[in-house]
Amino acid sequence: MELRHLRYFVVTAEAQHFTRAAELLGMAQPPLSQQIRQLEQEVGIPLCDRTGRCGALNDAGRAFLVCAQDILQRAQAAVQTVQRAARGEVGELTLGFTESAIPMWK
């Protein structure tokens, strides 16, 4: 399973229509439908009712949507953390005091 498949599913579920989702993703509708179908095959269960649009998520689709959104958010957070670390914005600061400094803080 690839992150792009999860993204395609989330956008399609939120748009509630394959054609609208394809436009938002900048791709044609048939390849998007094919990617959603492949995702369904991979998870082993249909995620939406095929009524010409994917707006009608079934119970499995609604549960999967929550998980897919969480995974995509975590992936984005991981990328941002790595980028911050590369800029030196993430690290650990350890402070130490000698006993002679403690009376000044009382």
Protein backbone atom coordinates (compact mmCIF):
# COMPACT_ATOMS: atom_id res chain seq x y z
CA MET A 1 0.00 0.00 0.00
CA GLU A 2 1.39 3.37 -0.98
CA LEU A 3 0.69 6.76 0.57
CA ARG A 4 -0.58 8.02 -2.78
CA HIS A 5 -3.31 5.36 -2.73
CA LEU A 6 -4.39 6.55 0.70
CA ARG A 7 -4.36 10.15 -0.53
CA TYR A 8 -6.46 9.22 -3.57
CA PHE A 9 -8.97 7.47 -1.32
CA VAL A 10 -9.18 10.36 1.16
CA VAL A 11 -9.63 12.98 -1.57
CA THR A 12 -12.25 10.83 -3.30
CA ALA A 13 -14.14 10.23 -0.06
CA GLU A 14 -14.05 13.93 0.84
CA ALA A 15 -15.09 15.02 -2.67
CA GLN A 16 -17.81 12.35 -2.66
CA HIS A 17 -17.38 11.87 -6.38
CA PHE A 18 -14.73 10.20 -8.55
CA THR A 19 -14.74 12.86 -11.28
CA ARG A 20 -14.51 15.74 -8.82
CA ALA A 21 -11.70 13.98 -6.92
CA ALA A 22 -9.82 13.33 -10.16
CA GLU A 23 -10.01 17.04 -10.99
CA LEU A 24 -8.71 17.95 -7.52
CA LEU A 25 -5.85 15.48 -7.92
CA GLY A 26 -5.04 16.64 -11.44
CA MET A 27 -5.62 13.28 -13.04
CA ALA A 28 -8.19 11.57 -15.23
CA GLN A 29 -11.12 9.77 -13.61
CA PRO A 30 -10.51 6.25 -15.02
CA PRO A 31 -6.99 5.91 -13.52
CA LEU A 32 -8.29 7.22 -10.18
CA SER A 33 -11.10 4.66 -10.16
CA GLN A 34 -8.55 1.97 -11.00
CA GLN A 35 -6.31 3.05 -8.10
CA ILE A 36 -9.25 2.95 -5.67
CA ARG A 37 -10.19 -0.49 -6.98
CA GLN A 38 -6.60 -1.69 -6.45
CA LEU A 39 -6.69 -0.33 -2.89
CA GLU A 40 -9.94 -2.20 -2.25
CA GLN A 41 -8.36 -5.38 -3.60
CA GLU A 42 -5.37 -4.87 -1.33
CA VAL A 43 -7.48 -4.44 1.80
CA GLY A 44 -9.75 -7.26 0.63
CA ILE A 45 -13.08 -5.47 0.93
CA PRO A 46 -15.04 -2.80 -0.95
CA LEU A 47 -14.72 0.61 0.71
CA CYS A 48 -17.58 2.37 -1.07
CA ASP A 49 -20.79 1.55 -2.83
CA ARG A 50 -20.39 1.83 -6.58
CA THR A 51 -23.27 4.10 -7.55
CA GLY A 52 -21.32 6.16 -10.07
CA ARG A 53 -19.58 8.01 -7.28
CA CYS A 54 -17.65 7.10 -4.16
CA GLY A 55 -19.63 9.39 -1.89
CA ALA A 56 -21.42 6.50 -0.29
CA LEU A 57 -18.72 4.98 1.89
CA ASN A 58 -19.77 1.75 3.52
CA ASP A 59 -18.92 0.95 7.15
CA ALA A 60 -15.50 -0.40 6.16
CA GLY A 61 -14.84 2.70 4.05
CA ARG A 62 -15.72 5.05 6.89
CA ALA A 63 -13.43 3.17 9.28
CA PHE A 64 -10.66 3.08 6.68
CA LEU A 65 -11.05 6.82 5.99
CA VAL A 66 -10.27 7.67 9.62
CA CYS A 67 -7.17 5.47 9.55
CA ALA A 68 -6.02 6.78 6.16
CA GLN A 69 -6.37 10.40 7.29
CA ASP A 70 -4.35 9.64 10.42
CA ILE A 71 -1.60 7.89 8.44
CA LEU A 72 -1.34 10.80 5.99
CA GLN A 73 -1.17 13.33 8.84
CA ARG A 74 1.54 11.31 10.59
CA ALA A 75 3.53 10.99 7.36
CA GLN A 76 3.36 14.75 6.87
CA ALA A 77 4.42 15.33 10.48
CA ALA A 78 7.37 12.98 9.98
CA VAL A 79 8.50 14.92 6.91
CA GLN A 80 8.21 18.21 8.79
CA THR A 81 10.18 16.81 11.75
CA VAL A 82 12.98 15.62 9.49
CA GLN A 83 13.09 18.98 7.71
CA ARG A 84 13.25 20.82 11.04
CA ALA A 85 16.03 18.51 12.21
CA ALA A 86 17.98 19.17 9.01
CA ARG A 87 17.74 22.91 9.74
CA GLY A 88 18.97 22.32 13.29
CA GLU A 89 15.63 23.24 14.85
CA VAL A 90 15.20 19.92 16.65
CA GLY A 91 17.52 18.83 19.38
CA GLU A 92 17.98 18.43 23.08
CA LEU A 93 19.18 21.06 25.51
CA THR A 94 20.52 19.92 28.85
CA LEU A 95 21.04 22.46 31.62
CA GLY A 96 23.13 21.86 34.68
CA PHE A 97 23.62 23.88 37.86
CA THR A 98 26.26 23.68 40.50
CA GLU A 99 25.16 23.63 44.11
CA SER A 100 26.55 27.11 44.60
CA ALA A 101 23.95 28.49 42.15
CA ILE A 102 20.95 26.94 43.92
CA PRO A 103 20.71 29.54 46.77
CA MET A 104 20.25 32.29 44.15
CA TRP A 105 16.99 30.66 42.98
CA LYS A 106 15.37 30.49 46.42
